[in-house]
Amino acid sequence: MKKYKIFLYGKHSNRTPFSYVEYRRLYEPYFEYVDNPKKADFLVTGFVTDLKENAEDVQNLLKENQKLQVLVFSEEPLWDTLWSGNFQRDINSIEMTKQDEKISFNYHVLNHVTSNIYEFKKIPYFITTSDDFFVRYNNLFRRNAKLSIKELEETWRNAEMRYSFFAAKRINESSSVSYKNGTILGLNRFRSLVAEGLSLDGVLREGQGWQVKEQRQALPDWHLDKLAKLDRNAYVVSALENTHLNSYISEKIFDAYAVLGIPLYYAQKDHYMHKLVQNESLINLSSLSIEDAILKIENFSVTKEFIESYRDSQKMLSELFANQKNYIDERKYVVEKTIEAFQKLN
């Protein structure tokens, strides 16, 4: 099999499957990472912005290297849906004029819509990008699965934080994009206004735009910081994604269960969340208006049926992360589907 030569290009090239240490080892038998774009078969970035900001340079590279192809290999639906033009096309183009020079070139697109790379079997892609997720979830879900109904009820009753939201505040109308009859839906405005609209006591809102200007990702370990603050100390925990898309699941829903919170989520019937946990074990805000979502949260109470479903979901998650083979197999699946996608690009 041909070994594809790739050059990671631009500041967002650190947000592609190729960039993670855990994946790089698996990719290297099939892809050669080169240090010069003139030697590459593919110029790879994670966000089309890198191509727009460096369009002149990209065009010059394409002139110097006739075999070079350009690829946006995106893992982030937020970037795709808000700022990447027609993200549903597998080939797009840059057309602009800079200093009276016309710039024009095509680029390939691999994302959640144009490929099946992220259609996970057991563990969502993003959770496989770092071993830290596996280790932390393995320990926390193993602990949680042993808890009795009485212990869960006591944890929720004593939680200092009743409702917690860890996400940037974005309330602009443009973040409420909708595609494919609402199966792809921007949730930033929705989750921000739900967080803002809760009038109950004990609401924690943390993230860029609430109390601070900085992004949480600037912390030395933003994920550990979140787990430490919320563990056994939060009743309802928002796990609302920035984008509703069937195959896209980040760390948020796992975090909510891991810290023994009751998750807020938004998942239509075909969403891959239903592969992981029981719908009855969380507060699903799918298809609700902001006002109705707030009412559902405020009126929620734990029932016998809910807590039994919640315990079952904790056991499901404990079993999922008890087996390291699930992690390894999921990574191999991503690599396999990446290879298939590249074969079609050529």
Protein backbone atom coordinates (compact mmCIF):
# COMPACT_ATOMS: atom_id res chain seq x y z
CA MET A 1 0.00 0.00 0.00
CA LYS A 2 1.18 3.51 -0.81
CA LYS A 3 2.38 5.50 2.19
CA TYR A 4 0.86 8.98 1.99
CA LYS A 5 3.13 11.90 2.85
CA ILE A 6 1.36 14.52 4.95
CA PHE A 7 2.36 17.95 6.20
CA LEU A 8 0.39 19.40 9.12
CA TYR A 9 -0.26 23.01 8.23
CA GLY A 10 -1.51 26.02 10.20
CA LYS A 11 -2.38 26.68 13.83
CA HIS A 12 -5.43 24.40 13.73
CA SER A 13 -3.55 21.38 12.46
CA ASN A 14 -3.32 20.32 16.12
CA ARG A 15 -7.06 19.54 15.95
CA THR A 16 -7.06 16.67 13.49
CA PRO A 17 -6.75 12.94 14.24
CA PHE A 18 -3.21 13.08 12.80
CA SER A 19 -2.02 15.44 15.52
CA TYR A 20 -2.60 13.33 18.64
CA VAL A 21 0.30 11.27 20.00
CA GLU A 22 -1.98 8.29 20.62
CA TYR A 23 -3.10 8.27 16.99
CA ARG A 24 0.21 9.17 15.41
CA ARG A 25 1.71 5.81 16.37
CA LEU A 26 -1.16 4.04 14.62
CA TYR A 27 -1.02 6.23 11.52
CA GLU A 28 2.73 6.02 10.94
CA PRO A 29 2.70 2.63 9.11
CA TYR A 30 0.39 4.20 6.51
CA PHE A 31 1.28 7.91 6.56
CA GLU A 32 4.65 9.64 6.54
CA TYR A 33 4.81 12.90 8.47
CA VAL A 34 7.11 15.20 6.50
CA ASP A 35 8.67 18.46 7.68
CA ASN A 36 8.47 20.24 4.35
CA PRO A 37 5.25 20.83 2.37
CA LYS A 38 7.23 20.56 -0.85
CA LYS A 39 7.74 16.87 -0.07
CA ALA A 40 4.10 16.20 0.84
CA ASP A 41 1.21 14.58 -0.97
CA PHE A 42 -1.30 16.31 1.32
CA LEU A 43 -1.30 19.63 3.12
CA VAL A 44 -3.53 18.95 6.16
CA THR A 45 -5.22 21.32 8.59
CA GLY A 46 -8.21 21.10 10.90
CA PHE A 47 -10.01 24.32 10.00
CA VAL A 48 -10.57 26.13 6.72
CA THR A 49 -9.58 29.42 8.40
CA ASP A 50 -5.94 28.32 8.15
CA LEU A 51 -6.29 28.16 4.37
CA LYS A 52 -8.04 31.52 4.11
CA GLU A 53 -5.51 33.29 6.31
CA ASN A 54 -2.58 31.81 4.35
CA ALA A 55 -4.16 31.58 0.91
CA GLU A 56 -1.21 33.15 -0.93
CA ASP A 57 1.23 30.74 0.69
CA VAL A 58 -0.99 27.73 -0.07
CA GLN A 59 -1.36 28.74 -3.70
CA ASN A 60 2.42 29.15 -4.03
CA LEU A 61 2.97 25.72 -2.48
CA LEU A 62 0.54 24.20 -4.98
CA LYS A 63 2.50 25.81 -7.83
CA GLU A 64 5.82 24.51 -6.49
CA ASN A 65 4.53 21.02 -5.73
CA GLN A 66 2.27 19.86 -8.55
CA LYS A 67 1.25 16.65 -6.76
CA LEU A 68 0.23 18.43 -3.55
CA GLN A 69 -3.42 18.22 -2.47
CA VAL A 70 -5.06 20.28 0.26
CA LEU A 71 -7.24 18.74 2.97
CA VAL A 72 -9.33 20.11 5.82
CA PHE A 73 -9.57 17.15 8.20
CA SER A 74 -12.00 18.53 10.77
CA GLU A 75 -13.02 16.99 14.08
CA GLU A 76 -15.08 19.97 15.22
CA PRO A 77 -18.68 20.40 13.95
CA LEU A 78 -18.89 23.87 15.53
CA TRP A 79 -16.18 25.18 13.19
CA ASP A 80 -17.72 23.35 10.24
CA THR A 81 -21.28 24.59 10.67
CA LEU A 82 -20.52 28.21 11.59
CA TRP A 83 -17.42 29.24 9.69
CA SER A 84 -16.53 26.73 6.97
CA GLY A 85 -18.97 27.47 4.16
CA ASN A 86 -20.63 24.43 2.65
CA PHE A 87 -19.23 21.82 5.02
CA GLN A 88 -21.46 19.13 3.50
CA ARG A 89 -19.41 19.08 0.27
CA ASP A 90 -16.37 16.82 0.10
CA ILE A 91 -14.58 19.26 -2.22
CA ASN A 92 -14.64 23.02 -1.68
CA SER A 93 -12.66 25.96 -3.01
CA ILE A 94 -10.96 29.16 -1.92
CA GLU A 95 -11.66 32.11 -4.20
CA MET A 96 -10.31 35.54 -3.29
CA THR A 97 -8.20 38.47 -4.42
CA LYS A 98 -5.25 39.78 -2.41
CA GLN A 99 -3.27 42.79 -3.56
CA ASP A 100 -4.73 42.48 -7.05
CA GLU A 101 -3.69 38.84 -7.26
CA LYS A 102 -6.42 36.28 -7.84
CA ILE A 103 -6.16 33.26 -5.57
CA SER A 104 -8.02 30.10 -6.42
CA PHE A 105 -7.58 26.49 -5.33
CA ASN A 106 -9.64 23.49 -4.29
CA TYR A 107 -9.43 21.53 -1.07
CA HIS A 108 -10.84 18.21 0.16
CA VAL A 109 -13.05 17.99 3.25
CA LEU A 110 -13.20 15.14 5.75
CA ASN A 111 -15.56 15.77 8.65
CA HIS A 112 -18.52 14.21 10.49
CA VAL A 113 -20.76 14.68 7.44
CA THR A 114 -18.53 13.93 4.45
CA SER A 115 -16.96 10.79 5.93
CA ASN A 116 -17.72 7.85 8.23
CA ILE A 117 -14.49 8.27 10.20
CA TYR A 118 -16.28 9.47 13.33
CA GLU A 119 -19.14 6.97 13.31
CA PHE A 120 -17.89 5.19 16.39
CA LYS A 121 -18.83 1.69 17.52
CA LYS A 122 -18.51 1.93 21.30
CA ILE A 123 -16.48 5.00 22.29
CA PRO A 124 -16.79 8.41 20.62
CA TYR A 125 -13.76 9.65 18.74
CA PHE A 126 -12.90 12.63 20.95
CA ILE A 127 -12.64 10.44 24.05
CA THR A 128 -10.00 8.34 22.29
CA THR A 129 -7.67 11.29 21.63
CA SER A 130 -6.09 11.09 25.08
CA ASP A 131 -5.37 8.22 27.45
CA ASP A 132 -6.25 10.57 30.32
CA PHE A 133 -9.95 10.24 29.49
CA PHE A 134 -9.81 6.46 29.68
CA VAL A 135 -7.90 6.37 32.98
CA ARG A 136 -10.14 8.93 34.68
CA TYR A 137 -13.40 7.43 33.48
CA ASN A 138 -12.26 3.90 34.29
CA ASN A 139 -11.68 4.87 37.93
CA LEU A 140 -14.76 7.05 38.38
CA PHE A 141 -17.29 4.76 36.70
CA ARG A 142 -15.98 1.74 38.58
CA ARG A 143 -16.58 3.66 41.81
CA ASN A 144 -20.00 4.90 40.71
CA ALA A 145 -21.28 1.48 39.65
CA LYS A 146 -20.93 0.23 43.23
CA LEU A 147 -23.13 2.92 44.77
CA SER A 148 -26.53 2.09 46.19
CA ILE A 149 -29.72 4.03 45.57
CA LYS A 150 -29.43 5.45 49.07
CA GLU A 151 -25.86 6.66 48.43
CA LEU A 152 -26.89 8.32 45.14
CA GLU A 153 -29.82 10.09 46.78
CA GLU A 154 -27.56 11.30 49.59
CA THR A 155 -24.98 12.60 47.08
CA TRP A 156 -27.62 14.62 45.21
CA ARG A 157 -29.22 15.90 48.41
CA ASN A 158 -25.89 17.18 49.77
CA ALA A 159 -24.52 18.63 46.52
CA GLU A 160 -23.53 22.28 47.00
CA MET A 161 -23.96 23.06 43.30
CA ARG A 162 -27.51 22.37 42.21
CA TYR A 163 -27.09 23.22 38.50
CA SER A 164 -23.74 23.55 36.78
CA PHE A 165 -22.83 24.75 33.29
CA PHE A 166 -19.24 24.52 32.08
CA ALA A 167 -19.28 26.09 28.60
CA ALA A 168 -18.58 29.40 26.90
CA LYS A 169 -21.42 31.90 26.78
CA ARG A 170 -22.52 32.39 23.18
CA ILE A 171 -25.92 33.96 22.62
CA ASN A 172 -25.59 35.36 19.10
CA GLU A 173 -28.28 34.28 16.65
CA SER A 174 -25.73 32.94 14.15
CA SER A 175 -24.84 30.07 16.49
CA SER A 176 -28.34 28.60 16.09
CA VAL A 177 -27.68 27.12 12.66
CA SER A 178 -29.78 24.22 11.41
CA TYR A 179 -29.20 21.69 8.62
CA LYS A 180 -30.78 18.45 7.41
CA ASN A 181 -34.20 19.15 8.93
CA GLY A 182 -32.70 20.00 12.28
CA THR A 183 -30.67 16.81 12.72
CA ILE A 184 -27.59 19.07 12.62
CA LEU A 185 -28.24 21.94 14.97
CA GLY A 186 -26.15 24.62 16.65
CA LEU A 187 -26.76 24.51 20.41
CA ASN A 188 -24.51 27.30 21.71
CA ARG A 189 -27.27 29.90 21.97
CA PHE A 190 -29.75 27.35 23.31
CA ARG A 191 -27.52 26.10 26.13
CA SER A 192 -26.33 29.62 27.02
CA LEU A 193 -29.88 30.99 27.30
CA VAL A 194 -31.01 27.94 29.27
CA ALA A 195 -28.12 28.50 31.70
CA GLU A 196 -28.88 32.21 31.91
CA GLY A 197 -32.64 31.68 32.31
CA LEU A 198 -32.56 29.34 35.29
CA SER A 199 -33.80 31.33 38.26
CA LEU A 200 -33.14 28.61 40.83
CA ASP A 201 -30.58 28.91 43.61
CA GLY A 202 -27.18 27.31 43.27
CA VAL A 203 -26.54 27.76 39.54
CA LEU A 204 -22.86 27.63 38.54
CA ARG A 205 -22.00 29.14 35.16
CA GLU A 206 -18.33 28.82 34.29
CA GLY A 207 -16.53 29.49 31.03
CA GLN A 208 -15.52 32.24 28.66
CA GLY A 209 -18.14 34.99 28.58
CA TRP A 210 -19.63 34.35 32.01
CA GLN A 211 -17.17 35.61 34.64
CA VAL A 212 -13.94 35.47 32.65
CA LYS A 213 -12.59 36.33 29.22
CA GLU A 214 -10.14 33.43 29.03
CA GLN A 215 -10.99 30.03 27.60
CA ARG A 216 -10.96 27.12 30.03
CA GLN A 217 -8.67 25.27 27.62
CA ALA A 218 -5.92 27.69 28.71
CA LEU A 219 -5.77 25.93 32.09
CA PRO A 220 -2.94 23.42 32.64
CA ASP A 221 -5.55 20.62 32.73
CA TRP A 222 -9.05 21.97 32.02
CA HIS A 223 -10.62 18.51 32.17
CA LEU A 224 -9.18 17.53 35.55
CA ASP A 225 -10.11 20.96 36.90
CA LYS A 226 -13.74 20.39 35.93
CA LEU A 227 -13.89 16.88 37.41
CA ALA A 228 -12.31 18.06 40.66
CA LYS A 229 -14.78 20.93 41.07
CA LEU A 230 -17.90 18.90 40.34
CA ASP A 231 -17.17 15.42 41.67
CA ARG A 232 -19.95 14.40 44.08
CA ASN A 233 -20.76 18.07 44.49
CA ALA A 234 -23.26 18.81 41.68
CA TYR A 235 -26.87 17.73 41.30
CA VAL A 236 -27.67 18.56 37.63
CA VAL A 237 -24.71 18.91 35.25
CA SER A 238 -25.05 20.31 31.75
CA ALA A 239 -23.63 17.99 29.10
CA LEU A 240 -25.14 19.98 26.23
CA GLU A 241 -22.87 19.90 23.18
CA ASN A 242 -22.09 22.91 21.02
CA THR A 243 -23.63 21.03 18.07
CA HIS A 244 -26.28 18.35 17.78
CA LEU A 245 -25.09 15.86 15.19
CA ASN A 246 -25.82 12.14 15.46
CA SER A 247 -22.21 10.89 15.60
CA TYR A 248 -20.72 13.81 17.56
CA ILE A 249 -20.24 13.26 21.27
CA SER A 250 -17.56 15.02 23.30
CA GLU A 251 -16.43 14.45 26.88
CA LYS A 252 -19.37 16.36 28.35
CA ILE A 253 -21.88 13.57 28.86
CA PHE A 254 -19.20 11.28 30.33
CA ASP A 255 -18.12 14.03 32.71
CA ALA A 256 -21.67 14.51 33.98
CA TYR A 257 -22.08 10.84 34.86
CA ALA A 258 -18.51 10.56 36.14
CA VAL A 259 -18.99 13.27 38.77
CA LEU A 260 -22.35 11.72 39.76
CA GLY A 261 -24.40 14.53 38.28
CA ILE A 262 -27.70 14.17 36.48
CA PRO A 263 -26.89 15.09 32.87
CA LEU A 264 -28.68 17.66 30.76
CA TYR A 265 -28.48 16.57 27.15
CA TYR A 266 -30.02 17.16 23.74
CA ALA A 267 -30.39 14.04 21.62
CA GLN A 268 -32.94 13.15 18.99
CA LYS A 269 -33.97 9.53 18.54
CA ASP A 270 -31.18 8.61 16.09
CA HIS A 271 -28.42 10.23 18.11
CA TYR A 272 -25.48 8.01 19.06
CA MET A 273 -25.96 8.92 22.72
CA HIS A 274 -28.50 6.11 22.83
CA LYS A 275 -25.65 3.64 22.21
CA LEU A 276 -24.01 4.65 25.47
CA VAL A 277 -26.62 5.25 28.17
CA GLN A 278 -30.34 4.99 28.75
CA ASN A 279 -32.39 8.02 27.73
CA GLU A 280 -34.37 7.69 30.98
CA SER A 281 -31.20 8.33 33.03
CA LEU A 282 -30.78 11.95 31.95
CA ILE A 283 -32.81 15.08 31.26
CA ASN A 284 -33.22 15.16 27.50
CA LEU A 285 -34.09 18.64 26.21
CA SER A 286 -34.46 17.57 22.58
CA SER A 287 -36.94 19.59 20.49
CA LEU A 288 -37.87 21.88 23.40
CA SER A 289 -37.95 25.65 23.27
CA ILE A 290 -35.68 27.52 25.65
CA GLU A 291 -38.63 28.31 27.89
CA ASP A 292 -39.87 24.72 27.96
CA ALA A 293 -36.36 23.42 28.57
CA ILE A 294 -36.01 25.67 31.60
CA LEU A 295 -39.39 24.51 32.92
CA LYS A 296 -38.42 20.86 32.46
CA ILE A 297 -35.22 21.38 34.44
CA GLU A 298 -36.95 23.34 37.21
CA ASN A 299 -39.73 20.75 37.53
CA PHE A 300 -37.49 17.70 37.39
CA SER A 301 -37.57 15.34 40.36
CA VAL A 302 -35.90 12.00 40.91
CA THR A 303 -38.27 9.04 40.65
CA LYS A 304 -37.71 5.37 41.39
CA GLU A 305 -37.68 4.63 37.66
CA PHE A 306 -35.15 7.40 37.02
CA ILE A 307 -32.69 6.32 39.67
CA GLU A 308 -32.82 2.69 38.55
CA SER A 309 -32.11 3.76 34.98
CA TYR A 310 -29.31 6.04 36.22
CA ARG A 311 -27.66 3.15 38.08
CA ASP A 312 -27.96 0.95 34.98
CA SER A 313 -26.26 3.63 32.88
CA GLN A 314 -23.43 3.93 35.41
CA LYS A 315 -22.91 0.17 35.17
CA MET A 316 -22.94 0.35 31.35
CA LEU A 317 -20.27 3.05 31.43
CA SER A 318 -18.21 1.15 33.98
CA GLU A 319 -18.20 -1.92 31.74
CA LEU A 320 -17.35 0.20 28.70
CA PHE A 321 -14.25 1.73 30.27
CA ALA A 322 -13.19 -1.40 32.13
CA ASN A 323 -12.05 -2.94 28.87
CA GLN A 324 -9.03 -1.25 27.32
CA LYS A 325 -9.63 -3.22 24.13
CA ASN A 326 -12.66 -1.01 23.42
CA TYR A 327 -10.32 1.99 23.34
CA ILE A 328 -7.77 0.29 21.11
CA ASP A 329 -10.38 -1.04 18.70
CA GLU A 330 -12.00 2.38 18.36
CA ARG A 331 -8.69 3.97 17.45
CA LYS A 332 -8.01 1.26 14.90
CA TYR A 333 -11.44 1.92 13.40
CA VAL A 334 -10.64 5.64 12.98
CA VAL A 335 -7.33 4.82 11.29
CA GLU A 336 -8.94 2.23 9.02
CA LYS A 337 -11.65 4.66 7.90
CA THR A 338 -9.05 7.41 7.40
CA ILE A 339 -7.08 5.15 5.05
CA GLU A 340 -10.24 4.33 3.11
CA ALA A 341 -11.05 8.04 2.82
CA PHE A 342 -7.57 8.86 1.51
CA GLN A 343 -7.79 6.13 -1.09
CA LYS A 344 -10.88 7.85 -2.43
CA LEU A 345 -9.16 11.25 -2.44
CA ASN A 346 -6.43 10.06 -4.80
